[in-house]
Amino acid sequence: MRLLLHSCCCICQSMAYHGLKNEFQDDLELTIYWYNPNIHPLIEYRRRLKSVYMLSQRLKLEITVDDDYGLKKFCKLTAETPEVPERCTKCYQLRLDQAAARAQNLGFDYFATTLTTSSHQSHQLIIAAGKDAAAATGTNFLYRDWRNEPRDPKLLNGLYKQQYCGCIYSEYDRYKDTNKHLYREQ
């Protein structure tokens, strides 16, 4: 089976890889796909992409990267609906539409996403976005719940581990109630 795996970060990619290898063993031709216009700021985007590249090299996997960072497209798409679940619905659809189109263009049998490794993501919304993207392109969406797959510390050694989902809204949600990096005069 030829599978294009949309990757959001190296941590999730390692979990999905483990699940796929356990299920399909040697009957899997896997390529990683990077398209994440939701990840901000640009330095965060680059850190995550670098780690996805490094993990893909360690696993000897091909990787294809969408050259469009997509900042303006993502911001325009979510500006009117910055709250969960509306923004997440639009974000999932944007990324999975791109993954399905890339899978179709490259002749893959299926596409999937590492987003389904996270307990912080809505699997129902991901499934709906995957099915819509598959129907629009005539491709096949492979859904698997990889939340319980292990993380291999040796494999992930030295790779960047993010602290929030990726979008500017999730960064705000993550840090708004902390005093981290907050300066106040005495």
C-alpha atoms as a PDB file:
ATOM      1  CA  MET A   1       0.000   0.000   0.000  1.00  0.00           C
ATOM      2  CA  ARG A   2       1.289   3.464  -0.911  1.00  0.00           C
ATOM      3  CA  LEU A   3       0.427   5.968   1.824  1.00  0.00           C
ATOM      4  CA  LEU A   4       1.019   9.712   2.030  1.00  0.00           C
ATOM      5  CA  LEU A   5       1.166  10.677   5.705  1.00  0.00           C
ATOM      6  CA  HIS A   6       0.477  14.316   6.527  1.00  0.00           C
ATOM      7  CA  SER A   7       2.779  15.194   9.427  1.00  0.00           C
ATOM      8  CA  CYS A   8       2.221  18.004  11.910  1.00  0.00           C
ATOM      9  CA  CYS A   9       5.358  17.374  13.995  1.00  0.00           C
ATOM     10  CA  CYS A  10       8.027  14.770  14.668  1.00  0.00           C
ATOM     11  CA  ILE A  11       6.444  13.521  17.909  1.00  0.00           C
ATOM     12  CA  CYS A  12       3.127  12.682  16.263  1.00  0.00           C
ATOM     13  CA  GLN A  13       4.926  11.360  13.187  1.00  0.00           C
ATOM     14  CA  SER A  14       6.868   8.855  15.298  1.00  0.00           C
ATOM     15  CA  MET A  15       3.677   7.560  16.914  1.00  0.00           C
ATOM     16  CA  ALA A  16       1.856   7.207  13.586  1.00  0.00           C
ATOM     17  CA  TYR A  17       4.899   5.509  12.051  1.00  0.00           C
ATOM     18  CA  HIS A  18       4.950   2.966  14.871  1.00  0.00           C
ATOM     19  CA  GLY A  19       1.240   2.220  14.411  1.00  0.00           C
ATOM     20  CA  LEU A  20       1.539   1.908  10.644  1.00  0.00           C
ATOM     21  CA  LYS A  21       4.572  -0.384  10.826  1.00  0.00           C
ATOM     22  CA  ASN A  22       2.802  -2.627  13.348  1.00  0.00           C
ATOM     23  CA  GLU A  23      -0.317  -2.856  11.193  1.00  0.00           C
ATOM     24  CA  PHE A  24       1.125  -3.071   7.689  1.00  0.00           C
ATOM     25  CA  GLN A  25       4.683  -4.297   8.364  1.00  0.00           C
ATOM     26  CA  ASP A  26       6.446  -4.690   5.019  1.00  0.00           C
ATOM     27  CA  ASP A  27       3.321  -4.016   2.921  1.00  0.00           C
ATOM     28  CA  LEU A  28       3.703  -0.242   3.254  1.00  0.00           C
ATOM     29  CA  GLU A  29       5.343   2.373   1.073  1.00  0.00           C
ATOM     30  CA  LEU A  30       5.240   5.484   3.232  1.00  0.00           C
ATOM     31  CA  THR A  31       5.995   9.091   2.282  1.00  0.00           C
ATOM     32  CA  ILE A  32       5.745  12.009   4.694  1.00  0.00           C
ATOM     33  CA  TYR A  33       3.918  15.165   3.621  1.00  0.00           C
ATOM     34  CA  TRP A  34       4.424  18.552   5.279  1.00  0.00           C
ATOM     35  CA  TYR A  35       1.774  21.236   4.910  1.00  0.00           C
ATOM     36  CA  ASN A  36       0.983  23.220   8.053  1.00  0.00           C
ATOM     37  CA  PRO A  37       0.102  26.876   7.398  1.00  0.00           C
ATOM     38  CA  ASN A  38      -1.403  27.016  10.880  1.00  0.00           C
ATOM     39  CA  ILE A  39       1.953  26.861  12.652  1.00  0.00           C
ATOM     40  CA  HIS A  40       3.098  30.269  13.884  1.00  0.00           C
ATOM     41  CA  PRO A  41       5.367  32.070  14.277  1.00  0.00           C
ATOM     42  CA  LEU A  42       7.663  31.312  11.371  1.00  0.00           C
ATOM     43  CA  ILE A  43      10.515  30.195  13.667  1.00  0.00           C
ATOM     44  CA  GLU A  44       8.174  27.627  15.281  1.00  0.00           C
ATOM     45  CA  TYR A  45       7.221  26.412  11.807  1.00  0.00           C
ATOM     46  CA  ARG A  46      10.881  26.019  10.874  1.00  0.00           C
ATOM     47  CA  ARG A  47      11.755  24.197  14.107  1.00  0.00           C
ATOM     48  CA  ARG A  48       8.999  21.667  13.553  1.00  0.00           C
ATOM     49  CA  LEU A  49       9.802  21.183   9.883  1.00  0.00           C
ATOM     50  CA  LYS A  50      13.494  20.650  10.662  1.00  0.00           C
ATOM     51  CA  SER A  51      12.590  17.948  13.202  1.00  0.00           C
ATOM     52  CA  VAL A  52      10.222  16.272  10.729  1.00  0.00           C
ATOM     53  CA  TYR A  53      13.056  16.222   8.183  1.00  0.00           C
ATOM     54  CA  MET A  54      15.479  14.795  10.748  1.00  0.00           C
ATOM     55  CA  LEU A  55      13.050  12.093  11.882  1.00  0.00           C
ATOM     56  CA  SER A  56      12.246  11.191   8.278  1.00  0.00           C
ATOM     57  CA  GLN A  57      15.976  10.765   7.626  1.00  0.00           C
ATOM     58  CA  ARG A  58      16.337   8.561  10.708  1.00  0.00           C
ATOM     59  CA  LEU A  59      13.452   6.402   9.493  1.00  0.00           C
ATOM     60  CA  LYS A  60      14.689   6.471   5.885  1.00  0.00           C
ATOM     61  CA  LEU A  61      11.385   7.925   4.676  1.00  0.00           C
ATOM     62  CA  GLU A  62      10.816  10.165   1.703  1.00  0.00           C
ATOM     63  CA  ILE A  63       9.343  13.549   2.470  1.00  0.00           C
ATOM     64  CA  THR A  64       7.485  16.003   0.272  1.00  0.00           C
ATOM     65  CA  VAL A  65       7.017  19.570   1.441  1.00  0.00           C
ATOM     66  CA  ASP A  66       4.507  22.121   0.265  1.00  0.00           C
ATOM     67  CA  ASP A  67       6.567  25.220  -0.513  1.00  0.00           C
ATOM     68  CA  ASP A  68       3.794  27.624   0.491  1.00  0.00           C
ATOM     69  CA  TYR A  69       4.088  28.600   4.164  1.00  0.00           C
ATOM     70  CA  GLY A  70       0.477  29.767   3.963  1.00  0.00           C
ATOM     71  CA  LEU A  71       0.426  32.403   6.701  1.00  0.00           C
ATOM     72  CA  LYS A  72      -1.965  34.744   4.899  1.00  0.00           C
ATOM     73  CA  LYS A  73      -4.255  31.944   3.752  1.00  0.00           C
ATOM     74  CA  PHE A  74      -4.563  30.502   7.276  1.00  0.00           C
ATOM     75  CA  CYS A  75      -5.114  33.888   8.925  1.00  0.00           C
ATOM     76  CA  LYS A  76      -7.742  34.889   6.377  1.00  0.00           C
ATOM     77  CA  LEU A  77      -9.497  31.538   6.800  1.00  0.00           C
ATOM     78  CA  THR A  78      -9.697  31.707  10.605  1.00  0.00           C
ATOM     79  CA  ALA A  79      -9.952  35.454  11.278  1.00  0.00           C
ATOM     80  CA  GLU A  80     -13.745  35.446  11.546  1.00  0.00           C
ATOM     81  CA  THR A  81     -13.902  32.230  13.599  1.00  0.00           C
ATOM     82  CA  PRO A  82     -10.947  32.169  16.008  1.00  0.00           C
ATOM     83  CA  GLU A  83     -12.664  29.964  18.598  1.00  0.00           C
ATOM     84  CA  VAL A  84     -12.596  26.188  18.975  1.00  0.00           C
ATOM     85  CA  PRO A  85     -14.062  24.147  17.265  1.00  0.00           C
ATOM     86  CA  GLU A  86     -14.739  26.441  14.287  1.00  0.00           C
ATOM     87  CA  ARG A  87     -11.109  27.379  13.664  1.00  0.00           C
ATOM     88  CA  CYS A  88      -9.975  23.760  14.101  1.00  0.00           C
ATOM     89  CA  THR A  89     -12.589  22.546  11.624  1.00  0.00           C
ATOM     90  CA  LYS A  90     -11.310  24.999   9.015  1.00  0.00           C
ATOM     91  CA  CYS A  91      -7.681  24.195   9.800  1.00  0.00           C
ATOM     92  CA  TYR A  92      -8.173  20.424   9.513  1.00  0.00           C
ATOM     93  CA  GLN A  93     -10.032  20.871   6.241  1.00  0.00           C
ATOM     94  CA  LEU A  94      -7.357  23.132   4.788  1.00  0.00           C
ATOM     95  CA  ARG A  95      -4.532  20.724   5.603  1.00  0.00           C
ATOM     96  CA  LEU A  96      -6.343  17.533   4.635  1.00  0.00           C
ATOM     97  CA  ASP A  97      -7.596  19.041   1.365  1.00  0.00           C
ATOM     98  CA  GLN A  98      -3.963  19.747   0.490  1.00  0.00           C
ATOM     99  CA  ALA A  99      -2.871  16.262   1.578  1.00  0.00           C
ATOM    100  CA  ALA A 100      -5.596  14.608  -0.500  1.00  0.00           C
ATOM    101  CA  ALA A 101      -4.694  16.690  -3.545  1.00  0.00           C
ATOM    102  CA  ARG A 102      -1.002  15.826  -3.123  1.00  0.00           C
ATOM    103  CA  ALA A 103      -1.864  12.124  -2.697  1.00  0.00           C
ATOM    104  CA  GLN A 104      -3.944  12.226  -5.877  1.00  0.00           C
ATOM    105  CA  ASN A 105      -1.257  14.077  -7.848  1.00  0.00           C
ATOM    106  CA  LEU A 106       1.472  11.651  -6.759  1.00  0.00           C
ATOM    107  CA  GLY A 107      -0.615   8.505  -7.242  1.00  0.00           C
ATOM    108  CA  PHE A 108      -0.869   7.316  -3.643  1.00  0.00           C
ATOM    109  CA  ASP A 109      -3.456   4.713  -2.647  1.00  0.00           C
ATOM    110  CA  TYR A 110      -4.269   6.482   0.634  1.00  0.00           C
ATOM    111  CA  PHE A 111      -3.537   9.559   2.696  1.00  0.00           C
ATOM    112  CA  ALA A 112      -3.615   9.873   6.482  1.00  0.00           C
ATOM    113  CA  THR A 113      -2.624  12.412   9.113  1.00  0.00           C
ATOM    114  CA  THR A 114      -0.567  12.351  12.276  1.00  0.00           C
ATOM    115  CA  LEU A 115      -3.154  14.636  13.874  1.00  0.00           C
ATOM    116  CA  THR A 116      -4.895  11.446  15.028  1.00  0.00           C
ATOM    117  CA  THR A 117      -2.120  10.744  17.542  1.00  0.00           C
ATOM    118  CA  SER A 118      -3.219  13.637  19.734  1.00  0.00           C
ATOM    119  CA  SER A 119      -5.750  13.534  22.543  1.00  0.00           C
ATOM    120  CA  HIS A 120      -5.990  17.338  22.171  1.00  0.00           C
ATOM    121  CA  GLN A 121      -7.437  17.137  18.645  1.00  0.00           C
ATOM    122  CA  SER A 122     -11.043  16.353  17.721  1.00  0.00           C
ATOM    123  CA  HIS A 123     -10.990  13.009  15.962  1.00  0.00           C
ATOM    124  CA  GLN A 124     -14.580  13.464  14.793  1.00  0.00           C
ATOM    125  CA  LEU A 125     -13.661  16.715  13.034  1.00  0.00           C
ATOM    126  CA  ILE A 126     -10.507  15.158  11.564  1.00  0.00           C
ATOM    127  CA  ILE A 127     -12.476  12.187  10.222  1.00  0.00           C
ATOM    128  CA  ALA A 128     -15.071  14.504   8.659  1.00  0.00           C
ATOM    129  CA  ALA A 129     -12.355  16.649   7.043  1.00  0.00           C
ATOM    130  CA  GLY A 130     -10.533  13.557   5.780  1.00  0.00           C
ATOM    131  CA  LYS A 131     -13.682  12.086   4.271  1.00  0.00           C
ATOM    132  CA  ASP A 132     -14.592  15.413   2.619  1.00  0.00           C
ATOM    133  CA  ALA A 133     -11.084  15.772   1.185  1.00  0.00           C
ATOM    134  CA  ALA A 134     -11.133  12.193  -0.083  1.00  0.00           C
ATOM    135  CA  ALA A 135     -14.533  12.657  -1.742  1.00  0.00           C
ATOM    136  CA  ALA A 136     -13.446  15.888  -3.414  1.00  0.00           C
ATOM    137  CA  THR A 137     -10.312  14.311  -4.915  1.00  0.00           C
ATOM    138  CA  GLY A 138     -11.330  10.697  -5.424  1.00  0.00           C
ATOM    139  CA  THR A 139      -8.636   9.512  -3.021  1.00  0.00           C
ATOM    140  CA  ASN A 140      -8.865   7.282   0.058  1.00  0.00           C
ATOM    141  CA  PHE A 141      -8.570   8.584   3.620  1.00  0.00           C
ATOM    142  CA  LEU A 142      -7.085   6.177   6.148  1.00  0.00           C
ATOM    143  CA  TYR A 143      -8.160   6.946   9.697  1.00  0.00           C
ATOM    144  CA  ARG A 144      -6.417   5.288  12.599  1.00  0.00           C
ATOM    145  CA  ASP A 145      -6.495   6.260  16.258  1.00  0.00           C
ATOM    146  CA  TRP A 146      -2.816   6.346  17.211  1.00  0.00           C
ATOM    147  CA  ARG A 147      -3.229   8.037  20.613  1.00  0.00           C
ATOM    148  CA  ASN A 148      -1.918   4.976  22.455  1.00  0.00           C
ATOM    149  CA  GLU A 149       1.122   4.358  20.278  1.00  0.00           C
ATOM    150  CA  PRO A 150       4.433   4.673  22.113  1.00  0.00           C
ATOM    151  CA  ARG A 151       7.016   7.383  21.643  1.00  0.00           C
ATOM    152  CA  ASP A 152      10.524   6.077  21.105  1.00  0.00           C
ATOM    153  CA  PRO A 153      12.860   8.313  23.158  1.00  0.00           C
ATOM    154  CA  LYS A 154      15.942   7.128  21.243  1.00  0.00           C
ATOM    155  CA  LEU A 155      14.321   7.939  17.920  1.00  0.00           C
ATOM    156  CA  LEU A 156      13.212  11.372  19.125  1.00  0.00           C
ATOM    157  CA  ASN A 157      16.449  12.214  20.930  1.00  0.00           C
ATOM    158  CA  GLY A 158      17.517  15.780  20.199  1.00  0.00           C
ATOM    159  CA  LEU A 159      14.425  16.646  18.157  1.00  0.00           C
ATOM    160  CA  TYR A 160      12.293  19.692  18.899  1.00  0.00           C
ATOM    161  CA  LYS A 161       9.179  19.157  21.034  1.00  0.00           C
ATOM    162  CA  GLN A 162       6.578  21.880  20.706  1.00  0.00           C
ATOM    163  CA  GLN A 163       4.527  23.288  23.565  1.00  0.00           C
ATOM    164  CA  TYR A 164       1.255  24.071  21.763  1.00  0.00           C
ATOM    165  CA  CYS A 165      -0.860  22.924  18.811  1.00  0.00           C
ATOM    166  CA  GLY A 166       0.686  25.347  16.380  1.00  0.00           C
ATOM    167  CA  CYS A 167      -1.623  28.199  15.543  1.00  0.00           C
ATOM    168  CA  ILE A 168      -1.340  31.622  17.065  1.00  0.00           C
ATOM    169  CA  TYR A 169      -4.653  31.080  18.839  1.00  0.00           C
ATOM    170  CA  SER A 170      -3.476  27.870  20.494  1.00  0.00           C
ATOM    171  CA  GLU A 171      -0.242  29.578  21.541  1.00  0.00           C
ATOM    172  CA  TYR A 172      -2.325  32.263  23.228  1.00  0.00           C
ATOM    173  CA  ASP A 173      -4.515  29.638  24.913  1.00  0.00           C
ATOM    174  CA  ARG A 174      -1.408  27.788  26.126  1.00  0.00           C
ATOM    175  CA  TYR A 175       0.347  30.780  27.709  1.00  0.00           C
ATOM    176  CA  LYS A 176      -2.336  33.372  28.546  1.00  0.00           C
ATOM    177  CA  ASP A 177      -2.726  32.255  32.156  1.00  0.00           C
ATOM    178  CA  THR A 178       0.983  31.892  32.912  1.00  0.00           C
ATOM    179  CA  ASN A 179       3.604  34.361  34.046  1.00  0.00           C
ATOM    180  CA  LYS A 180       6.203  32.841  31.746  1.00  0.00           C
ATOM    181  CA  HIS A 181       8.394  35.605  30.294  1.00  0.00           C
ATOM    182  CA  LEU A 182       6.216  38.230  31.933  1.00  0.00           C
ATOM    183  CA  TYR A 183       8.044  41.284  33.267  1.00  0.00           C
ATOM    184  CA  ARG A 184       6.507  43.552  35.825  1.00  0.00           C
ATOM    185  CA  GLU A 185       8.249  46.378  37.600  1.00  0.00           C
ATOM    186  CA  GLN A 186       8.496  45.937  41.329  1.00  0.00           C
END
